[in-house]
PDB file of all heavy atoms in Angstrom:
ATOM      1  N   GLU A   1       0.795  -1.181   0.021  1.00  0.00           N
ATOM      2  CA  GLU A   1       0.025  -0.025  -0.019  1.00  0.00           C
ATOM      3  C   GLU A   1       0.846   1.268  -0.039  1.00  0.00           C
ATOM      4  O   GLU A   1       1.931   1.298   0.580  1.00  0.00           O
ATOM      5  CB  GLU A   1      -0.955  -0.003   1.233  1.00  0.00           C
ATOM      6  CG  GLU A   1      -0.235   0.105   2.521  1.00  0.00           C
ATOM      7  CD  GLU A   1      -1.256   0.202   3.678  1.00  0.00           C
ATOM      8  OE1 GLU A   1      -2.392   0.718   3.509  1.00  0.00           O
ATOM      9  OE2 GLU A   1      -0.825  -0.176   4.828  1.00  0.00           O
ATOM     10  N   LEU A   2       0.332   2.227  -0.642  1.00  0.00           N
ATOM     11  CA  LEU A   2       0.987   3.589  -0.677  1.00  0.00           C
ATOM     12  C   LEU A   2       0.826   4.259   0.653  1.00  0.00           C
ATOM     13  O   LEU A   2      -0.333   4.446   1.132  1.00  0.00           O
ATOM     14  CB  LEU A   2       0.441   4.459  -1.846  1.00  0.00           C
ATOM     15  CG  LEU A   2       1.040   5.792  -2.035  1.00  0.00           C
ATOM     16  CD1 LEU A   2       2.472   5.734  -2.323  1.00  0.00           C
ATOM     17  CD2 LEU A   2       0.256   6.540  -3.140  1.00  0.00           C
ATOM     18  N   VAL A   3       1.908   4.767   1.214  1.00  0.00           N
ATOM     19  CA  VAL A   3       1.888   5.389   2.531  1.00  0.00           C
ATOM     20  C   VAL A   3       1.903   6.865   2.379  1.00  0.00           C
ATOM     21  O   VAL A   3       1.144   7.621   2.994  1.00  0.00           O
ATOM     22  CB  VAL A   3       3.054   4.912   3.409  1.00  0.00           C
ATOM     23  CG1 VAL A   3       3.116   5.660   4.725  1.00  0.00           C
ATOM     24  CG2 VAL A   3       2.906   3.391   3.679  1.00  0.00           C
ATOM     25  N   ALA A   4       2.845   7.397   1.586  1.00  0.00           N
ATOM     26  CA  ALA A   4       3.046   8.864   1.450  1.00  0.00           C
ATOM     27  C   ALA A   4       3.784   9.173   0.181  1.00  0.00           C
ATOM     28  O   ALA A   4       4.589   8.338  -0.382  1.00  0.00           O
ATOM     29  CB  ALA A   4       3.847   9.376   2.688  1.00  0.00           C
ATOM     30  N   THR A   5       3.550  10.317  -0.375  1.00  0.00           N
ATOM     31  CA  THR A   5       4.274  10.850  -1.545  1.00  0.00           C
ATOM     32  C   THR A   5       4.783  12.292  -1.266  1.00  0.00           C
ATOM     33  O   THR A   5       4.153  12.999  -0.489  1.00  0.00           O
ATOM     34  CB  THR A   5       3.430  10.834  -2.797  1.00  0.00           C
ATOM     35  OG1 THR A   5       2.301  11.725  -2.568  1.00  0.00           O
ATOM     36  CG2 THR A   5       2.921   9.418  -3.162  1.00  0.00           C
ATOM     37  N   ILE A   6       5.841  12.571  -2.009  1.00  0.00           N
ATOM     38  CA  ILE A   6       6.351  13.960  -1.954  1.00  0.00           C
ATOM     39  C   ILE A   6       6.826  14.285  -3.339  1.00  0.00           C
ATOM     40  O   ILE A   6       7.540  13.581  -3.985  1.00  0.00           O
ATOM     41  CB  ILE A   6       7.436  14.109  -0.932  1.00  0.00           C
ATOM     42  CG1 ILE A   6       7.866  15.622  -0.807  1.00  0.00           C
ATOM     43  CG2 ILE A   6       8.655  13.235  -1.169  1.00  0.00           C
ATOM     44  CD1 ILE A   6       8.704  15.930   0.409  1.00  0.00           C
ATOM     45  N   THR A   7       6.355  15.494  -3.834  1.00  0.00           N
ATOM     46  CA  THR A   7       6.733  15.927  -5.192  1.00  0.00           C
ATOM     47  C   THR A   7       7.995  16.686  -5.152  1.00  0.00           C
ATOM     48  O   THR A   7       8.624  16.959  -4.091  1.00  0.00           O
ATOM     49  CB  THR A   7       5.642  16.798  -5.792  1.00  0.00           C
ATOM     50  OG1 THR A   7       5.594  18.078  -5.100  1.00  0.00           O
ATOM     51  CG2 THR A   7       4.326  16.134  -5.754  1.00  0.00           C
ATOM     52  N   SER A   8       8.512  17.033  -6.369  1.00  0.00           N
ATOM     53  CA  SER A   8       9.732  17.807  -6.427  1.00  0.00           C
ATOM     54  C   SER A   8       9.592  19.227  -5.801  1.00  0.00           C
ATOM     55  O   SER A   8      10.584  19.790  -5.316  1.00  0.00           O
ATOM     56  CB  SER A   8      10.140  18.020  -7.934  1.00  0.00           C
ATOM     57  OG  SER A   8       9.099  18.623  -8.689  1.00  0.00           O
ATOM     58  N   SER A   9       8.356  19.724  -5.769  1.00  0.00           N
ATOM     59  CA  SER A   9       8.085  20.985  -5.143  1.00  0.00           C
ATOM     60  C   SER A   9       7.636  20.843  -3.694  1.00  0.00           C
ATOM     61  O   SER A   9       7.213  21.775  -3.055  1.00  0.00           O
ATOM     62  CB  SER A   9       6.955  21.725  -5.886  1.00  0.00           C
ATOM     63  OG  SER A   9       5.833  21.057  -5.985  1.00  0.00           O
ATOM     64  N   GLU A  10       7.801  19.620  -3.166  1.00  0.00           N
ATOM     65  CA  GLU A  10       7.561  19.256  -1.751  1.00  0.00           C
ATOM     66  C   GLU A  10       6.103  19.306  -1.359  1.00  0.00           C
ATOM     67  O   GLU A  10       5.817  19.475  -0.147  1.00  0.00           O
ATOM     68  CB  GLU A  10       8.439  20.131  -0.824  1.00  0.00           C
ATOM     69  CG  GLU A  10       9.899  19.979  -1.099  1.00  0.00           C
ATOM     70  CD  GLU A  10      10.814  20.633  -0.158  1.00  0.00           C
ATOM     71  OE1 GLU A  10      10.390  21.189   0.816  1.00  0.00           O
ATOM     72  OE2 GLU A  10      12.035  20.444  -0.223  1.00  0.00           O
ATOM     73  N   ASN A  11       5.209  19.179  -2.289  1.00  0.00           N
ATOM     74  CA  ASN A  11       3.796  18.895  -1.920  1.00  0.00           C
ATOM     75  C   ASN A  11       3.734  17.416  -1.394  1.00  0.00           C
ATOM     76  O   ASN A  11       4.349  16.491  -2.011  1.00  0.00           O
ATOM     77  CB  ASN A  11       2.893  19.067  -3.085  1.00  0.00           C
ATOM     78  CG  ASN A  11       2.776  20.530  -3.503  1.00  0.00           C
ATOM     79  OD1 ASN A  11       2.686  21.388  -2.701  1.00  0.00           O
ATOM     80  ND2 ASN A  11       2.688  20.767  -4.787  1.00  0.00           N
ATOM     81  N   THR A  12       2.954  17.144  -0.438  1.00  0.00           N
ATOM     82  CA  THR A  12       2.882  15.839   0.179  1.00  0.00           C
ATOM     83  C   THR A  12       1.434  15.346   0.228  1.00  0.00           C
ATOM     84  O   THR A  12       0.515  16.096   0.309  1.00  0.00           O
ATOM     85  CB  THR A  12       3.451  15.868   1.635  1.00  0.00           C
ATOM     86  OG1 THR A  12       2.699  16.752   2.472  1.00  0.00           O
ATOM     87  CG2 THR A  12       4.869  16.234   1.581  1.00  0.00           C
ATOM     88  N   ASN A  13       1.330  14.003   0.252  1.00  0.00           N
ATOM     89  CA  ASN A  13       0.044  13.307   0.386  1.00  0.00           C
ATOM     90  C   ASN A  13       0.253  12.032   1.259  1.00  0.00           C
ATOM     91  O   ASN A  13       1.335  11.508   1.196  1.00  0.00           O
ATOM     92  CB  ASN A  13      -0.591  12.921  -0.903  1.00  0.00           C
ATOM     93  CG  ASN A  13      -1.114  14.096  -1.685  1.00  0.00           C
ATOM     94  OD1 ASN A  13      -0.449  14.617  -2.623  1.00  0.00           O
ATOM     95  ND2 ASN A  13      -2.293  14.533  -1.333  1.00  0.00           N
ATOM     96  N   TYR A  14      -0.777  11.666   1.985  1.00  0.00           N
ATOM     97  CA  TYR A  14      -0.648  10.608   2.938  1.00  0.00           C
ATOM     98  C   TYR A  14      -1.875   9.685   2.977  1.00  0.00           C
ATOM     99  O   TYR A  14      -2.972  10.168   2.605  1.00  0.00           O
ATOM    100  CB  TYR A  14      -0.531  11.111   4.407  1.00  0.00           C
ATOM    101  CG  TYR A  14       0.658  11.973   4.589  1.00  0.00           C
ATOM    102  CD1 TYR A  14       0.592  13.322   4.465  1.00  0.00           C
ATOM    103  CD2 TYR A  14       1.897  11.427   4.996  1.00  0.00           C
ATOM    104  CE1 TYR A  14       1.699  14.183   4.637  1.00  0.00           C
ATOM    105  CE2 TYR A  14       3.033  12.253   5.189  1.00  0.00           C
ATOM    106  CZ  TYR A  14       2.905  13.632   5.043  1.00  0.00           C
ATOM    107  OH  TYR A  14       4.054  14.358   5.231  1.00  0.00           O
ATOM    108  N   ALA A  15      -1.619   8.435   3.111  1.00  0.00           N
ATOM    109  CA  ALA A  15      -2.756   7.523   3.348  1.00  0.00           C
ATOM    110  C   ALA A  15      -3.519   7.954   4.616  1.00  0.00           C
ATOM    111  O   ALA A  15      -2.893   8.428   5.561  1.00  0.00           O
ATOM    112  CB  ALA A  15      -2.259   6.090   3.475  1.00  0.00           C
ATOM    113  N   ASP A  16      -4.823   7.735   4.549  1.00  0.00           N
ATOM    114  CA  ASP A  16      -5.601   8.119   5.735  1.00  0.00           C
ATOM    115  C   ASP A  16      -5.183   7.467   7.020  1.00  0.00           C
ATOM    116  O   ASP A  16      -5.254   8.072   8.130  1.00  0.00           O
ATOM    117  CB  ASP A  16      -7.081   7.831   5.491  1.00  0.00           C
ATOM    118  CG  ASP A  16      -7.744   8.726   4.457  1.00  0.00           C
ATOM    119  OD1 ASP A  16      -7.210   9.839   4.225  1.00  0.00           O
ATOM    120  OD2 ASP A  16      -8.778   8.327   3.953  1.00  0.00           O
ATOM    121  N   SER A  17      -4.666   6.233   6.871  1.00  0.00           N
ATOM    122  CA  SER A  17      -4.251   5.469   8.062  1.00  0.00           C
ATOM    123  C   SER A  17      -3.026   6.065   8.802  1.00  0.00           C
ATOM    124  O   SER A  17      -2.799   5.734   9.922  1.00  0.00           O
ATOM    125  CB  SER A  17      -3.919   4.032   7.683  1.00  0.00           C
ATOM    126  OG  SER A  17      -2.906   3.979   6.690  1.00  0.00           O
ATOM    127  N   VAL A  18      -2.240   6.925   8.101  1.00  0.00           N
ATOM    128  CA  VAL A  18      -1.053   7.475   8.760  1.00  0.00           C
ATOM    129  C   VAL A  18      -1.087   8.966   8.859  1.00  0.00           C
ATOM    130  O   VAL A  18      -0.153   9.568   9.540  1.00  0.00           O
ATOM    131  CB  VAL A  18       0.244   7.081   7.983  1.00  0.00           C
ATOM    132  CG1 VAL A  18       0.300   5.553   7.785  1.00  0.00           C
ATOM    133  CG2 VAL A  18       0.334   7.782   6.618  1.00  0.00           C
ATOM    134  N   LYS A  19      -2.110   9.610   8.324  1.00  0.00           N
ATOM    135  CA  LYS A  19      -2.204  11.082   8.326  1.00  0.00           C
ATOM    136  C   LYS A  19      -2.192  11.591   9.751  1.00  0.00           C
ATOM    137  O   LYS A  19      -2.895  11.114  10.605  1.00  0.00           O
ATOM    138  CB  LYS A  19      -3.477  11.483   7.581  1.00  0.00           C
ATOM    139  CG  LYS A  19      -3.489  12.988   7.297  1.00  0.00           C
ATOM    140  CD  LYS A  19      -4.686  13.305   6.272  1.00  0.00           C
ATOM    141  CE  LYS A  19      -4.411  12.590   4.947  1.00  0.00           C
ATOM    142  NZ  LYS A  19      -5.562  12.968   4.000  1.00  0.00           N
ATOM    143  N   GLY A  20      -1.378  12.543   9.951  1.00  0.00           N
ATOM    144  CA  GLY A  20      -1.195  13.143  11.329  1.00  0.00           C
ATOM    145  C   GLY A  20      -0.173  12.486  12.158  1.00  0.00           C
ATOM    146  O   GLY A  20       0.199  13.064  13.203  1.00  0.00           O
ATOM    147  N   ARG A  21       0.292  11.307  11.745  1.00  0.00           N
ATOM    148  CA  ARG A  21       1.293  10.588  12.501  1.00  0.00           C
ATOM    149  C   ARG A  21       2.597  10.518  11.760  1.00  0.00           C
ATOM    150  O   ARG A  21       3.714  10.532  12.366  1.00  0.00           O
ATOM    151  CB  ARG A  21       0.842   9.186  12.799  1.00  0.00           C
ATOM    152  CG  ARG A  21      -0.429   9.120  13.628  1.00  0.00           C
ATOM    153  CD  ARG A  21      -0.761   7.754  14.097  1.00  0.00           C
ATOM    154  NE  ARG A  21      -1.057   6.833  12.954  1.00  0.00           N
ATOM    155  CZ  ARG A  21      -0.278   5.751  12.702  1.00  0.00           C
ATOM    156  NH1 ARG A  21       0.704   5.390  13.464  1.00  0.00           N
ATOM    157  NH2 ARG A  21      -0.612   4.990  11.591  1.00  0.00           N
ATOM    158  N   PHE A  22       2.603  10.430  10.432  1.00  0.00           N
ATOM    159  CA  PHE A  22       3.773  10.275   9.616  1.00  0.00           C
ATOM    160  C   PHE A  22       4.085  11.567   8.815  1.00  0.00           C
ATOM    161  O   PHE A  22       3.100  12.234   8.450  1.00  0.00           O
ATOM    162  CB  PHE A  22       3.594   9.165   8.539  1.00  0.00           C
ATOM    163  CG  PHE A  22       3.594   7.728   9.152  1.00  0.00           C
ATOM    164  CD1 PHE A  22       3.503   7.515  10.486  1.00  0.00           C
ATOM    165  CD2 PHE A  22       3.724   6.639   8.310  1.00  0.00           C
ATOM    166  CE1 PHE A  22       3.418   6.157  11.051  1.00  0.00           C
ATOM    167  CE2 PHE A  22       3.691   5.363   8.781  1.00  0.00           C
ATOM    168  CZ  PHE A  22       3.554   5.132  10.167  1.00  0.00           C
ATOM    169  N   THR A  23       5.322  11.825   8.548  1.00  0.00           N
ATOM    170  CA  THR A  23       5.705  12.953   7.796  1.00  0.00           C
ATOM    171  C   THR A  23       6.761  12.592   6.771  1.00  0.00           C
ATOM    172  O   THR A  23       7.822  12.013   7.150  1.00  0.00           O
ATOM    173  CB  THR A  23       6.247  14.140   8.632  1.00  0.00           C
ATOM    174  OG1 THR A  23       5.253  14.532   9.611  1.00  0.00           O
ATOM    175  CG2 THR A  23       6.602  15.349   7.784  1.00  0.00           C
ATOM    176  N   ILE A  24       6.515  12.786   5.500  1.00  0.00           N
ATOM    177  CA  ILE A  24       7.552  12.561   4.435  1.00  0.00           C
ATOM    178  C   ILE A  24       8.234  13.840   4.216  1.00  0.00           C
ATOM    179  O   ILE A  24       7.617  14.947   4.136  1.00  0.00           O
ATOM    180  CB  ILE A  24       6.863  11.908   3.236  1.00  0.00           C
ATOM    181  CG1 ILE A  24       7.924  11.491   2.194  1.00  0.00           C
ATOM    182  CG2 ILE A  24       5.896  12.909   2.561  1.00  0.00           C
ATOM    183  CD1 ILE A  24       7.392  10.693   1.038  1.00  0.00           C
ATOM    184  N   SER A  25       9.545  13.808   3.972  1.00  0.00           N
ATOM    185  CA  SER A  25      10.311  14.983   3.687  1.00  0.00           C
ATOM    186  C   SER A  25      11.480  14.609   2.750  1.00  0.00           C
ATOM    187  O   SER A  25      11.713  13.395   2.585  1.00  0.00           O
ATOM    188  CB  SER A  25      10.846  15.663   4.905  1.00  0.00           C
ATOM    189  OG  SER A  25      11.655  14.805   5.700  1.00  0.00           O
ATOM    190  N   ARG A  26      12.156  15.587   2.269  1.00  0.00           N
ATOM    191  CA  ARG A  26      13.295  15.307   1.370  1.00  0.00           C
ATOM    192  C   ARG A  26      14.396  16.307   1.528  1.00  0.00           C
ATOM    193  O   ARG A  26      14.092  17.464   1.925  1.00  0.00           O
ATOM    194  CB  ARG A  26      12.833  15.244  -0.133  1.00  0.00           C
ATOM    195  CG  ARG A  26      12.369  16.579  -0.654  1.00  0.00           C
ATOM    196  CD  ARG A  26      11.693  16.340  -2.055  1.00  0.00           C
ATOM    197  NE  ARG A  26      12.607  15.768  -3.037  1.00  0.00           N
ATOM    198  CZ  ARG A  26      12.235  15.115  -4.122  1.00  0.00           C
ATOM    199  NH1 ARG A  26      10.934  14.876  -4.349  1.00  0.00           N
ATOM    200  NH2 ARG A  26      13.125  14.549  -4.919  1.00  0.00           N
ATOM    201  N   ASP A  27      15.583  15.905   1.352  1.00  0.00           N
ATOM    202  CA  ASP A  27      16.742  16.754   1.407  1.00  0.00           C
ATOM    203  C   ASP A  27      17.500  16.587   0.072  1.00  0.00           C
ATOM    204  O   ASP A  27      18.159  15.628  -0.073  1.00  0.00           O
ATOM    205  CB  ASP A  27      17.641  16.402   2.592  1.00  0.00           C
ATOM    206  CG  ASP A  27      18.799  17.400   2.788  1.00  0.00           C
ATOM    207  OD1 ASP A  27      19.161  18.085   1.842  1.00  0.00           O
ATOM    208  OD2 ASP A  27      19.370  17.417   3.907  1.00  0.00           O
ATOM    209  N   ASN A  28      17.229  17.495  -0.805  1.00  0.00           N
ATOM    210  CA  ASN A  28      17.802  17.366  -2.150  1.00  0.00           C
ATOM    211  C   ASN A  28      19.350  17.429  -2.130  1.00  0.00           C
ATOM    212  O   ASN A  28      20.018  16.843  -3.032  1.00  0.00           O
ATOM    213  CB  ASN A  28      17.199  18.363  -3.119  1.00  0.00           C
ATOM    214  CG  ASN A  28      15.795  18.043  -3.449  1.00  0.00           C
ATOM    215  OD1 ASN A  28      15.299  16.992  -3.338  1.00  0.00           O
ATOM    216  ND2 ASN A  28      15.047  19.136  -3.788  1.00  0.00           N
ATOM    217  N   ALA A  29      19.940  18.176  -1.212  1.00  0.00           N
ATOM    218  CA  ALA A  29      21.351  18.272  -1.135  1.00  0.00           C
ATOM    219  C   ALA A  29      21.999  16.943  -0.742  1.00  0.00           C
ATOM    220  O   ALA A  29      23.140  16.678  -1.079  1.00  0.00           O
ATOM    221  CB  ALA A  29      21.748  19.345  -0.138  1.00  0.00           C
ATOM    222  N   LYS A  30      21.228  16.063  -0.043  1.00  0.00           N
ATOM    223  CA  LYS A  30      21.729  14.801   0.348  1.00  0.00           C
ATOM    224  C   LYS A  30      21.139  13.652  -0.458  1.00  0.00           C
ATOM    225  O   LYS A  30      21.413  12.447  -0.204  1.00  0.00           O
ATOM    226  CB  LYS A  30      21.357  14.587   1.857  1.00  0.00           C
ATOM    227  CG  LYS A  30      22.092  15.519   2.817  1.00  0.00           C
ATOM    228  CD  LYS A  30      21.807  15.156   4.226  1.00  0.00           C
ATOM    229  CE  LYS A  30      22.497  16.115   5.163  1.00  0.00           C
ATOM    230  NZ  LYS A  30      22.210  15.803   6.617  1.00  0.00           N
ATOM    231  N   ASN A  31      20.313  13.965  -1.470  1.00  0.00           N
ATOM    232  CA  ASN A  31      19.652  12.996  -2.289  1.00  0.00           C
ATOM    233  C   ASN A  31      18.929  11.923  -1.449  1.00  0.00           C
ATOM    234  O   ASN A  31      18.996  10.745  -1.647  1.00  0.00           O
ATOM    235  CB  ASN A  31      20.635  12.253  -3.192  1.00  0.00           C
ATOM    236  CG  ASN A  31      21.142  13.199  -4.371  1.00  0.00           C
ATOM    237  OD1 ASN A  31      22.218  12.881  -4.952  1.00  0.00           O
ATOM    238  ND2 ASN A  31      20.477  14.258  -4.629  1.00  0.00           N
ATOM    239  N   THR A  32      18.210  12.403  -0.471  1.00  0.00           N
ATOM    240  CA  THR A  32      17.585  11.497   0.577  1.00  0.00           C
ATOM    241  C   THR A  32      16.161  11.965   0.797  1.00  0.00           C
ATOM    242  O   THR A  32      15.820  13.119   0.866  1.00  0.00           O
ATOM    243  CB  THR A  32      18.368  11.490   1.806  1.00  0.00           C
ATOM    244  OG1 THR A  32      19.700  11.048   1.566  1.00  0.00           O
ATOM    245  CG2 THR A  32      17.748  10.505   2.857  1.00  0.00           C
ATOM    246  N   VAL A  33      15.295  10.938   0.897  1.00  0.00           N
ATOM    247  CA  VAL A  33      13.875  11.149   1.344  1.00  0.00           C
ATOM    248  C   VAL A  33      13.709  10.399   2.668  1.00  0.00           C
ATOM    249  O   VAL A  33      14.331   9.343   2.878  1.00  0.00           O
ATOM    250  CB  VAL A  33      12.854  10.677   0.233  1.00  0.00           C
ATOM    251  CG1 VAL A  33      12.991   9.183  -0.044  1.00  0.00           C
ATOM    252  CG2 VAL A  33      11.476  11.051   0.650  1.00  0.00           C
ATOM    253  N   TYR A  34      12.971  11.074   3.528  1.00  0.00           N
ATOM    254  CA  TYR A  34      12.705  10.472   4.896  1.00  0.00           C
ATOM    255  C   TYR A  34      11.248  10.148   5.150  1.00  0.00           C
ATOM    256  O   TYR A  34      10.333  10.757   4.528  1.00  0.00           O
ATOM    257  CB  TYR A  34      13.214  11.495   5.884  1.00  0.00           C
ATOM    258  CG  TYR A  34      14.600  11.902   5.790  1.00  0.00           C
ATOM    259  CD1 TYR A  34      14.916  13.079   5.078  1.00  0.00           C
ATOM    260  CD2 TYR A  34      15.596  11.183   6.329  1.00  0.00           C
ATOM    261  CE1 TYR A  34      16.243  13.483   5.008  1.00  0.00           C
ATOM    262  CE2 TYR A  34      16.959  11.564   6.206  1.00  0.00           C
ATOM    263  CZ  TYR A  34      17.228  12.690   5.529  1.00  0.00           C
ATOM    264  OH  TYR A  34      18.551  13.067   5.405  1.00  0.00           O
ATOM    265  N   LEU A  35      10.996   9.315   6.035  1.00  0.00           N
ATOM    266  CA  LEU A  35       9.667   9.105   6.609  1.00  0.00           C
ATOM    267  C   LEU A  35       9.794   9.168   8.105  1.00  0.00           C
ATOM    268  O   LEU A  35      10.223   8.150   8.655  1.00  0.00           O
ATOM    269  CB  LEU A  35       9.013   7.790   6.061  1.00  0.00           C
ATOM    270  CG  LEU A  35       7.553   7.571   6.506  1.00  0.00           C
ATOM    271  CD1 LEU A  35       6.666   8.574   5.698  1.00  0.00           C
ATOM    272  CD2 LEU A  35       7.165   6.140   6.138  1.00  0.00           C
ATOM    273  N   GLN A  36       9.330  10.206   8.668  1.00  0.00           N
ATOM    274  CA  GLN A  36       9.253  10.288  10.136  1.00  0.00           C
ATOM    275  C   GLN A  36       7.894   9.644  10.603  1.00  0.00           C
ATOM    276  O   GLN A  36       6.822  10.133  10.204  1.00  0.00           O
ATOM    277  CB  GLN A  36       9.310  11.737  10.606  1.00  0.00           C
ATOM    278  CG  GLN A  36       9.216  11.921  12.117  1.00  0.00           C
ATOM    279  CD  GLN A  36      10.417  11.320  12.847  1.00  0.00           C
ATOM    280  OE1 GLN A  36      11.568  11.547  12.458  1.00  0.00           O
ATOM    281  NE2 GLN A  36      10.159  10.579  13.895  1.00  0.00           N
ATOM    282  N   MET A  37       8.024   8.669  11.477  1.00  0.00           N
ATOM    283  CA  MET A  37       6.779   7.911  11.939  1.00  0.00           C
ATOM    284  C   MET A  37       6.696   8.058  13.420  1.00  0.00           C
ATOM    285  O   MET A  37       7.591   7.664  14.135  1.00  0.00           O
ATOM    286  CB  MET A  37       6.971   6.423  11.553  1.00  0.00           C
ATOM    287  CG  MET A  37       7.244   6.192  10.048  1.00  0.00           C
ATOM    288  SD  MET A  37       7.211   4.415   9.642  1.00  0.00           S
ATOM    289  CE  MET A  37       8.675   3.908  10.544  1.00  0.00           C
ATOM    290  N   ASN A  38       5.652   8.729  13.850  1.00  0.00           N
ATOM    291  CA  ASN A  38       5.326   8.930  15.251  1.00  0.00           C
ATOM    292  C   ASN A  38       4.073   8.209  15.624  1.00  0.00           C
ATOM    293  O   ASN A  38       3.282   7.827  14.770  1.00  0.00           O
ATOM    294  CB  ASN A  38       5.225  10.447  15.526  1.00  0.00           C
ATOM    295  CG  ASN A  38       6.391  11.231  15.224  1.00  0.00           C
ATOM    296  OD1 ASN A  38       7.534  10.756  15.374  1.00  0.00           O
ATOM    297  ND2 ASN A  38       6.274  12.458  14.784  1.00  0.00           N
TER     298      ASN A  38
END
């Protein structure tokens, strides 16, 4: 299942099951995407 997406302009979307708990982010300088799960 799809959990989260982030676009090149840093727009984000989340599955309803994780919304408010998970945060997707990216650091283009490090070529890395993160998923913070609380």
